[in-house]
Amino acid sequence: MSTTIVSTEAAAASRAWYIIDAEGQTLGRLATRIATVLRGKHKVDFTSHVDCGDYVIVTNVEKINMTGNKLDNKYYHRYSGYMGGLKSKTARQVLDSHPERVLHSAVKGMLPKNRLSRQVIKKLKLFVGSEHVHQAQNPQAFPAHI
């Protein structure tokens, strides 16, 4: 028995666009579902070294929920590379200023740390509010079985 490998052209030809509303959803549970679709693990022809995932559009990112005291106890760090260049903000402060960064960092942390993940994360489109600019791609509803 031999293993068949999906070519990159065939994987790129079958990409779908999905849209999901983040209002009222828990951060970690939503991020795992998004990471699964971005990598393509929900497809039958999933190959770990090929980018065979789909595009995901997330709206209402500013209305995402966090359980427990994470809004005040979870910190997001940015480091400029210079001495004393570490800046930290709580999750509440980041949600107020740049709400898309919270979900982006959660999904990025769930992807493998390699060149492929840097290509995969570009298929995640995050929007504050219910409007988005990808109407021409005819996004489908996010699959419920994932």
N, C-alpha and C. Protein backbone atom coordinates (compact mmCIF):
# COMPACT_ATOMS: atom_id res chain seq x y z
N MET A 1 0.84 -1.17 0.00
CA MET A 1 0.00 0.00 0.00
C MET A 1 0.89 1.24 0.00
N SER A 2 0.53 2.22 -0.79
CA SER A 2 1.36 3.41 -0.87
C SER A 2 0.58 4.62 -0.36
N THR A 3 1.33 5.61 0.07
CA THR A 3 0.73 6.84 0.57
C THR A 3 0.68 7.85 -0.55
N THR A 4 -0.47 8.48 -0.71
CA THR A 4 -0.60 9.51 -1.74
C THR A 4 -0.38 10.87 -1.11
N ILE A 5 0.38 11.71 -1.78
CA ILE A 5 0.68 13.04 -1.31
C ILE A 5 -0.10 14.04 -2.16
N VAL A 6 -0.78 14.95 -1.50
CA VAL A 6 -1.55 15.97 -2.20
C VAL A 6 -0.60 17.04 -2.69
N SER A 7 -0.74 17.43 -3.94
CA SER A 7 0.11 18.49 -4.46
C SER A 7 -0.37 19.84 -3.93
N THR A 8 0.53 20.79 -3.92
CA THR A 8 0.18 22.11 -3.39
C THR A 8 -0.81 22.82 -4.31
N GLU A 9 -0.78 22.56 -5.60
CA GLU A 9 -1.72 23.19 -6.52
C GLU A 9 -3.13 22.69 -6.27
N ALA A 10 -3.28 21.40 -6.01
CA ALA A 10 -4.61 20.85 -5.76
C ALA A 10 -5.17 21.36 -4.44
N ALA A 11 -4.31 21.52 -3.45
CA ALA A 11 -4.77 22.02 -2.16
C ALA A 11 -5.20 23.48 -2.25
N ALA A 12 -4.47 24.26 -3.04
CA ALA A 12 -4.79 25.67 -3.17
C ALA A 12 -6.06 25.89 -3.98
N ALA A 13 -6.40 24.95 -4.85
CA ALA A 13 -7.57 25.11 -5.70
C ALA A 13 -8.87 24.93 -4.93
N SER A 14 -8.83 24.20 -3.83
CA SER A 14 -10.07 23.88 -3.11
C SER A 14 -10.20 24.68 -1.80
N ARG A 15 -9.82 25.93 -1.82
CA ARG A 15 -9.92 26.75 -0.61
C ARG A 15 -11.30 27.38 -0.52
N ALA A 16 -11.86 27.34 0.68
CA ALA A 16 -13.16 27.95 0.95
C ALA A 16 -12.97 29.14 1.88
N TRP A 17 -13.95 29.99 1.94
CA TRP A 17 -13.95 31.13 2.84
C TRP A 17 -15.08 30.93 3.84
N TYR A 18 -14.75 31.02 5.12
CA TYR A 18 -15.73 30.85 6.19
C TYR A 18 -15.81 32.14 7.00
N ILE A 19 -17.00 32.42 7.51
CA ILE A 19 -17.19 33.60 8.35
C ILE A 19 -17.77 33.15 9.69
N ILE A 20 -17.30 33.78 10.75
CA ILE A 20 -17.78 33.46 12.08
C ILE A 20 -17.92 34.74 12.89
N ASP A 21 -18.97 34.78 13.70
CA ASP A 21 -19.21 35.92 14.57
C ASP A 21 -18.68 35.59 15.96
N ALA A 22 -17.75 36.39 16.46
CA ALA A 22 -17.09 36.10 17.74
C ALA A 22 -17.85 36.63 18.94
N GLU A 23 -18.99 37.24 18.72
CA GLU A 23 -19.73 37.85 19.83
C GLU A 23 -20.21 36.79 20.82
N GLY A 24 -19.79 36.94 22.07
CA GLY A 24 -20.21 36.04 23.13
C GLY A 24 -19.47 34.72 23.18
N GLN A 25 -18.49 34.49 22.32
CA GLN A 25 -17.77 33.22 22.32
C GLN A 25 -16.53 33.32 23.19
N THR A 26 -16.12 32.17 23.74
CA THR A 26 -14.95 32.11 24.59
C THR A 26 -13.69 32.12 23.73
N LEU A 27 -12.68 32.84 24.17
CA LEU A 27 -11.46 33.05 23.38
C LEU A 27 -10.77 31.75 23.00
N GLY A 28 -10.45 30.91 23.96
CA GLY A 28 -9.68 29.70 23.67
C GLY A 28 -10.43 28.69 22.84
N ARG A 29 -11.71 28.53 23.11
CA ARG A 29 -12.51 27.55 22.35
C ARG A 29 -12.68 27.98 20.91
N LEU A 30 -12.86 29.28 20.70
CA LEU A 30 -12.97 29.80 19.34
C LEU A 30 -11.63 29.69 18.61
N ALA A 31 -10.54 29.97 19.31
CA ALA A 31 -9.22 29.94 18.69
C ALA A 31 -8.85 28.53 18.22
N THR A 32 -9.22 27.50 18.98
CA THR A 32 -8.91 26.13 18.55
C THR A 32 -9.67 25.76 17.31
N ARG A 33 -10.93 26.18 17.22
CA ARG A 33 -11.73 25.88 16.01
C ARG A 33 -11.15 26.59 14.80
N ILE A 34 -10.73 27.84 14.98
CA ILE A 34 -10.17 28.61 13.87
C ILE A 34 -8.84 28.00 13.42
N ALA A 35 -7.99 27.61 14.38
CA ALA A 35 -6.69 27.02 14.03
C ALA A 35 -6.86 25.72 13.27
N THR A 36 -7.88 24.94 13.61
CA THR A 36 -8.14 23.68 12.90
C THR A 36 -8.49 23.94 11.44
N VAL A 37 -9.34 24.92 11.18
CA VAL A 37 -9.75 25.21 9.81
C VAL A 37 -8.60 25.86 9.03
N LEU A 38 -7.82 26.73 9.66
CA LEU A 38 -6.70 27.36 8.97
C LEU A 38 -5.67 26.34 8.50
N ARG A 39 -5.40 25.34 9.33
CA ARG A 39 -4.44 24.31 8.95
C ARG A 39 -5.00 23.31 7.96
N GLY A 40 -6.33 23.15 7.94
CA GLY A 40 -6.95 22.19 7.03
C GLY A 40 -7.16 20.83 7.65
N LYS A 41 -7.10 20.73 8.96
CA LYS A 41 -7.24 19.43 9.62
C LYS A 41 -8.66 18.89 9.55
N HIS A 42 -9.61 19.72 9.16
CA HIS A 42 -10.98 19.26 9.02
C HIS A 42 -11.23 18.57 7.69
N LYS A 43 -10.26 18.61 6.79
CA LYS A 43 -10.41 18.03 5.46
C LYS A 43 -9.89 16.59 5.43
N VAL A 44 -10.40 15.84 4.49
CA VAL A 44 -10.00 14.45 4.34
C VAL A 44 -8.58 14.35 3.81
N ASP A 45 -8.21 15.26 2.93
CA ASP A 45 -6.88 15.22 2.30
C ASP A 45 -5.87 16.08 3.04
N PHE A 46 -5.94 16.15 4.38
CA PHE A 46 -4.99 16.92 5.17
C PHE A 46 -3.60 16.33 5.06
N THR A 47 -2.63 17.19 4.79
CA THR A 47 -1.23 16.81 4.76
C THR A 47 -0.48 17.81 5.63
N SER A 48 0.34 17.30 6.54
CA SER A 48 0.93 18.17 7.55
C SER A 48 1.93 19.18 6.99
N HIS A 49 2.58 18.87 5.88
CA HIS A 49 3.60 19.78 5.36
C HIS A 49 3.10 20.65 4.20
N VAL A 50 1.78 20.62 3.94
CA VAL A 50 1.19 21.40 2.85
C VAL A 50 0.13 22.32 3.45
N ASP A 51 0.09 23.54 2.97
CA ASP A 51 -0.93 24.49 3.40
C ASP A 51 -2.22 24.19 2.65
N CYS A 52 -3.09 23.40 3.25
CA CYS A 52 -4.34 23.00 2.59
C CYS A 52 -5.56 23.53 3.33
N GLY A 53 -5.38 24.53 4.18
CA GLY A 53 -6.48 25.07 4.97
C GLY A 53 -7.30 26.09 4.22
N ASP A 54 -8.33 26.57 4.89
CA ASP A 54 -9.26 27.53 4.32
C ASP A 54 -9.08 28.90 4.97
N TYR A 55 -9.71 29.90 4.36
CA TYR A 55 -9.69 31.25 4.90
C TYR A 55 -10.78 31.39 5.95
N VAL A 56 -10.51 32.18 6.98
CA VAL A 56 -11.48 32.41 8.04
C VAL A 56 -11.60 33.92 8.28
N ILE A 57 -12.85 34.41 8.24
CA ILE A 57 -13.16 35.80 8.52
C ILE A 57 -13.86 35.83 9.88
N VAL A 58 -13.36 36.64 10.80
CA VAL A 58 -13.95 36.75 12.13
C VAL A 58 -14.43 38.19 12.33
N THR A 59 -15.71 38.34 12.65
CA THR A 59 -16.27 39.66 12.91
C THR A 59 -16.59 39.81 14.39
N ASN A 60 -16.80 41.04 14.82
CA ASN A 60 -17.12 41.37 16.21
C ASN A 60 -16.07 40.85 17.18
N VAL A 61 -14.81 41.04 16.86
CA VAL A 61 -13.72 40.54 17.68
C VAL A 61 -13.69 41.24 19.05
N GLU A 62 -14.17 42.46 19.11
CA GLU A 62 -14.13 43.20 20.37
C GLU A 62 -15.12 42.67 21.40
N LYS A 63 -16.05 41.79 21.00
CA LYS A 63 -17.08 41.27 21.91
C LYS A 63 -16.79 39.85 22.36
N ILE A 64 -15.55 39.43 22.31
CA ILE A 64 -15.17 38.07 22.69
C ILE A 64 -15.10 37.98 24.22
N ASN A 65 -15.38 36.80 24.76
CA ASN A 65 -15.39 36.59 26.20
C ASN A 65 -14.13 35.90 26.66
N MET A 66 -13.75 36.18 27.89
CA MET A 66 -12.68 35.46 28.57
C MET A 66 -13.23 34.97 29.90
N THR A 67 -12.91 33.75 30.27
CA THR A 67 -13.43 33.19 31.51
C THR A 67 -12.54 33.59 32.68
N GLY A 68 -13.11 33.52 33.87
CA GLY A 68 -12.34 33.80 35.08
C GLY A 68 -11.89 35.25 35.15
N ASN A 69 -10.71 35.46 35.70
CA ASN A 69 -10.15 36.80 35.87
C ASN A 69 -9.11 37.13 34.80
N LYS A 70 -9.21 36.49 33.64
CA LYS A 70 -8.19 36.68 32.61
C LYS A 70 -8.12 38.11 32.10
N LEU A 71 -9.22 38.84 32.13
CA LEU A 71 -9.18 40.22 31.65
C LEU A 71 -8.20 41.07 32.44
N ASP A 72 -8.02 40.76 33.72
CA ASP A 72 -7.12 41.56 34.54
C ASP A 72 -5.81 40.84 34.86
N ASN A 73 -5.79 39.51 34.81
CA ASN A 73 -4.59 38.76 35.20
C ASN A 73 -3.73 38.32 34.03
N LYS A 74 -4.27 38.30 32.81
CA LYS A 74 -3.51 37.87 31.64
C LYS A 74 -2.80 39.08 31.03
N TYR A 75 -1.51 38.93 30.77
CA TYR A 75 -0.71 40.02 30.23
C TYR A 75 -0.23 39.68 28.82
N TYR A 76 -0.19 40.69 27.98
CA TYR A 76 0.37 40.58 26.64
C TYR A 76 1.64 41.43 26.61
N HIS A 77 2.73 40.85 26.15
CA HIS A 77 4.03 41.52 26.17
C HIS A 77 4.47 41.84 24.74
N ARG A 78 5.10 42.99 24.59
CA ARG A 78 5.75 43.38 23.34
C ARG A 78 7.16 43.80 23.68
N TYR A 79 8.11 43.33 22.89
CA TYR A 79 9.50 43.65 23.16
C TYR A 79 10.11 44.25 21.91
N SER A 80 10.71 45.44 22.06
CA SER A 80 11.26 46.16 20.92
C SER A 80 12.62 45.63 20.50
N GLY A 81 13.31 44.93 21.39
CA GLY A 81 14.66 44.45 21.10
C GLY A 81 15.72 45.28 21.78
N TYR A 82 15.34 46.42 22.31
CA TYR A 82 16.27 47.28 23.02
C TYR A 82 16.17 47.05 24.53
N MET A 83 17.20 47.46 25.25
CA MET A 83 17.17 47.34 26.69
C MET A 83 16.05 48.19 27.26
N GLY A 84 15.27 47.63 28.14
CA GLY A 84 14.14 48.34 28.72
C GLY A 84 12.98 48.49 27.77
N GLY A 85 12.98 47.74 26.68
CA GLY A 85 11.94 47.88 25.66
C GLY A 85 10.78 46.92 25.80
N LEU A 86 10.61 46.31 26.99
CA LEU A 86 9.49 45.40 27.22
C LEU A 86 8.28 46.20 27.68
N LYS A 87 7.18 46.06 26.95
CA LYS A 87 5.95 46.74 27.32
C LYS A 87 4.88 45.68 27.57
N SER A 88 4.18 45.80 28.67
CA SER A 88 3.15 44.82 29.04
C SER A 88 1.81 45.53 29.20
N LYS A 89 0.74 44.85 28.76
CA LYS A 89 -0.61 45.34 28.93
C LYS A 89 -1.49 44.18 29.35
N THR A 90 -2.52 44.47 30.12
CA THR A 90 -3.48 43.43 30.49
C THR A 90 -4.40 43.15 29.29
N ALA A 91 -5.11 42.05 29.38
CA ALA A 91 -6.03 41.69 28.30
C ALA A 91 -7.12 42.75 28.14
N ARG A 92 -7.56 43.35 29.24
CA ARG A 92 -8.58 44.39 29.16
C ARG A 92 -8.07 45.61 28.40
N GLN A 93 -6.83 45.99 28.63
CA GLN A 93 -6.25 47.14 27.93
C GLN A 93 -6.08 46.85 26.45
N VAL A 94 -5.66 45.63 26.11
CA VAL A 94 -5.47 45.27 24.70
C VAL A 94 -6.82 45.20 23.99
N LEU A 95 -7.84 44.67 24.65
CA LEU A 95 -9.17 44.62 24.05
C LEU A 95 -9.73 46.02 23.81
N ASP A 96 -9.38 46.96 24.66
CA ASP A 96 -9.86 48.33 24.46
C ASP A 96 -9.15 49.02 23.31
N SER A 97 -7.84 48.79 23.16
CA SER A 97 -7.08 49.51 22.14
C SER A 97 -7.00 48.76 20.81
N HIS A 98 -6.63 47.48 20.82
CA HIS A 98 -6.47 46.68 19.60
C HIS A 98 -7.10 45.30 19.82
N PRO A 99 -8.42 45.16 19.72
CA PRO A 99 -9.07 43.89 20.07
C PRO A 99 -8.70 42.73 19.17
N GLU A 100 -8.28 43.00 17.95
CA GLU A 100 -7.93 41.89 17.05
C GLU A 100 -6.64 41.19 17.45
N ARG A 101 -5.78 41.87 18.21
CA ARG A 101 -4.51 41.27 18.63
C ARG A 101 -4.71 40.11 19.61
N VAL A 102 -5.79 40.15 20.39
CA VAL A 102 -6.03 39.10 21.37
C VAL A 102 -6.31 37.77 20.67
N LEU A 103 -7.23 37.77 19.72
CA LEU A 103 -7.56 36.53 19.00
C LEU A 103 -6.42 36.11 18.08
N HIS A 104 -5.73 37.07 17.47
CA HIS A 104 -4.62 36.74 16.58
C HIS A 104 -3.52 36.02 17.34
N SER A 105 -3.17 36.49 18.52
CA SER A 105 -2.10 35.84 19.27
C SER A 105 -2.54 34.48 19.81
N ALA A 106 -3.83 34.32 20.12
CA ALA A 106 -4.32 33.03 20.59
C ALA A 106 -4.27 31.99 19.49
N VAL A 107 -4.68 32.36 18.28
CA VAL A 107 -4.65 31.42 17.15
C VAL A 107 -3.21 31.13 16.75
N LYS A 108 -2.37 32.15 16.73
CA LYS A 108 -0.97 31.97 16.34
C LYS A 108 -0.24 31.04 17.29
N GLY A 109 -0.59 31.10 18.57
CA GLY A 109 0.03 30.22 19.55
C GLY A 109 -0.38 28.77 19.39
N MET A 110 -1.49 28.50 18.71
CA MET A 110 -1.96 27.14 18.50
C MET A 110 -1.46 26.53 17.21
N LEU A 111 -0.74 27.29 16.42
CA LEU A 111 -0.17 26.77 15.18
C LEU A 111 1.26 26.32 15.43
N PRO A 112 1.77 25.39 14.62
CA PRO A 112 3.17 24.99 14.79
C PRO A 112 4.10 26.15 14.50
N LYS A 113 5.26 26.14 15.13
CA LYS A 113 6.21 27.24 14.98
C LYS A 113 7.18 26.94 13.84
N ASN A 114 6.78 27.24 12.61
CA ASN A 114 7.63 27.00 11.45
C ASN A 114 7.21 27.94 10.31
N ARG A 115 7.82 27.78 9.15
CA ARG A 115 7.51 28.64 8.01
C ARG A 115 6.08 28.47 7.54
N LEU A 116 5.57 27.25 7.64
CA LEU A 116 4.22 26.99 7.18
C LEU A 116 3.18 27.75 8.02
N SER A 117 3.41 27.86 9.32
CA SER A 117 2.45 28.57 10.15
C SER A 117 2.43 30.06 9.85
N ARG A 118 3.56 30.61 9.46
CA ARG A 118 3.60 32.03 9.09
C ARG A 118 2.82 32.26 7.80
N GLN A 119 2.71 31.25 6.96
CA GLN A 119 1.91 31.33 5.75
C GLN A 119 0.43 31.11 6.07
N VAL A 120 0.16 30.21 7.01
CA VAL A 120 -1.21 29.87 7.37
C VAL A 120 -1.91 31.01 8.09
N ILE A 121 -1.21 31.72 8.97
CA ILE A 121 -1.83 32.77 9.77
C ILE A 121 -2.28 33.95 8.90
N LYS A 122 -1.75 34.07 7.70
CA LYS A 122 -2.16 35.14 6.80
C LYS A 122 -3.57 34.93 6.26
N LYS A 123 -4.12 33.72 6.41
CA LYS A 123 -5.46 33.43 5.94
C LYS A 123 -6.52 33.78 6.98
N LEU A 124 -6.11 34.31 8.12
CA LEU A 124 -7.03 34.74 9.16
C LEU A 124 -7.30 36.23 8.99
N LYS A 125 -8.55 36.58 8.81
CA LYS A 125 -8.96 37.97 8.62
C LYS A 125 -9.84 38.39 9.79
N LEU A 126 -9.38 39.36 10.58
CA LEU A 126 -10.08 39.79 11.79
C LEU A 126 -10.64 41.19 11.60
N PHE A 127 -11.89 41.40 12.06
CA PHE A 127 -12.54 42.69 11.89
C PHE A 127 -13.25 43.10 13.18
N VAL A 128 -13.09 44.36 13.54
CA VAL A 128 -13.84 44.95 14.64
C VAL A 128 -15.17 45.41 14.07
N GLY A 129 -16.26 45.00 14.68
CA GLY A 129 -17.58 45.32 14.16
C GLY A 129 -18.10 44.18 13.28
N SER A 130 -19.31 44.37 12.78
CA SER A 130 -19.95 43.30 12.00
C SER A 130 -19.70 43.41 10.51
N GLU A 131 -19.05 44.45 10.06
CA GLU A 131 -18.78 44.63 8.62
C GLU A 131 -17.39 44.11 8.27
N HIS A 132 -17.25 43.55 7.05
CA HIS A 132 -15.95 43.12 6.55
C HIS A 132 -15.87 43.41 5.06
N VAL A 133 -14.68 43.35 4.51
CA VAL A 133 -14.45 43.75 3.12
C VAL A 133 -14.35 42.57 2.17
N HIS A 134 -14.70 41.37 2.62
CA HIS A 134 -14.54 40.18 1.78
C HIS A 134 -15.88 39.64 1.30
N GLN A 135 -16.80 40.53 0.91
CA GLN A 135 -18.10 40.10 0.40
C GLN A 135 -17.96 39.38 -0.95
N ALA A 136 -16.96 39.75 -1.74
CA ALA A 136 -16.80 39.16 -3.07
C ALA A 136 -16.40 37.69 -3.02
N GLN A 137 -15.84 37.24 -1.89
CA GLN A 137 -15.43 35.84 -1.78
C GLN A 137 -16.58 34.92 -1.40
N ASN A 138 -17.76 35.47 -1.15
CA ASN A 138 -18.95 34.70 -0.77
C ASN A 138 -18.67 33.74 0.38
N PRO A 139 -18.35 34.27 1.56
CA PRO A 139 -18.02 33.37 2.67
C PRO A 139 -19.22 32.57 3.14
N GLN A 140 -18.96 31.31 3.50
CA GLN A 140 -19.98 30.43 4.02
C GLN A 140 -20.00 30.54 5.54
N ALA A 141 -21.06 29.98 6.14
CA ALA A 141 -21.10 29.93 7.59
C ALA A 141 -20.03 28.98 8.09
N PHE A 142 -19.47 29.29 9.25
CA PHE A 142 -18.40 28.46 9.83
C PHE A 142 -18.95 27.06 10.13
N PRO A 143 -18.23 25.98 9.78
CA PRO A 143 -18.76 24.64 9.98
C PRO A 143 -19.03 24.34 11.47
N ALA A 144 -20.19 23.78 11.74
CA ALA A 144 -20.59 23.54 13.12
C ALA A 144 -19.93 22.29 13.70
N HIS A 145 -19.48 21.37 12.85
CA HIS A 145 -18.91 20.11 13.35
C HIS A 145 -17.48 20.27 13.83
N ILE A 146 -16.91 21.46 13.73
CA ILE A 146 -15.54 21.68 14.18
C ILE A 146 -15.56 22.40 15.50
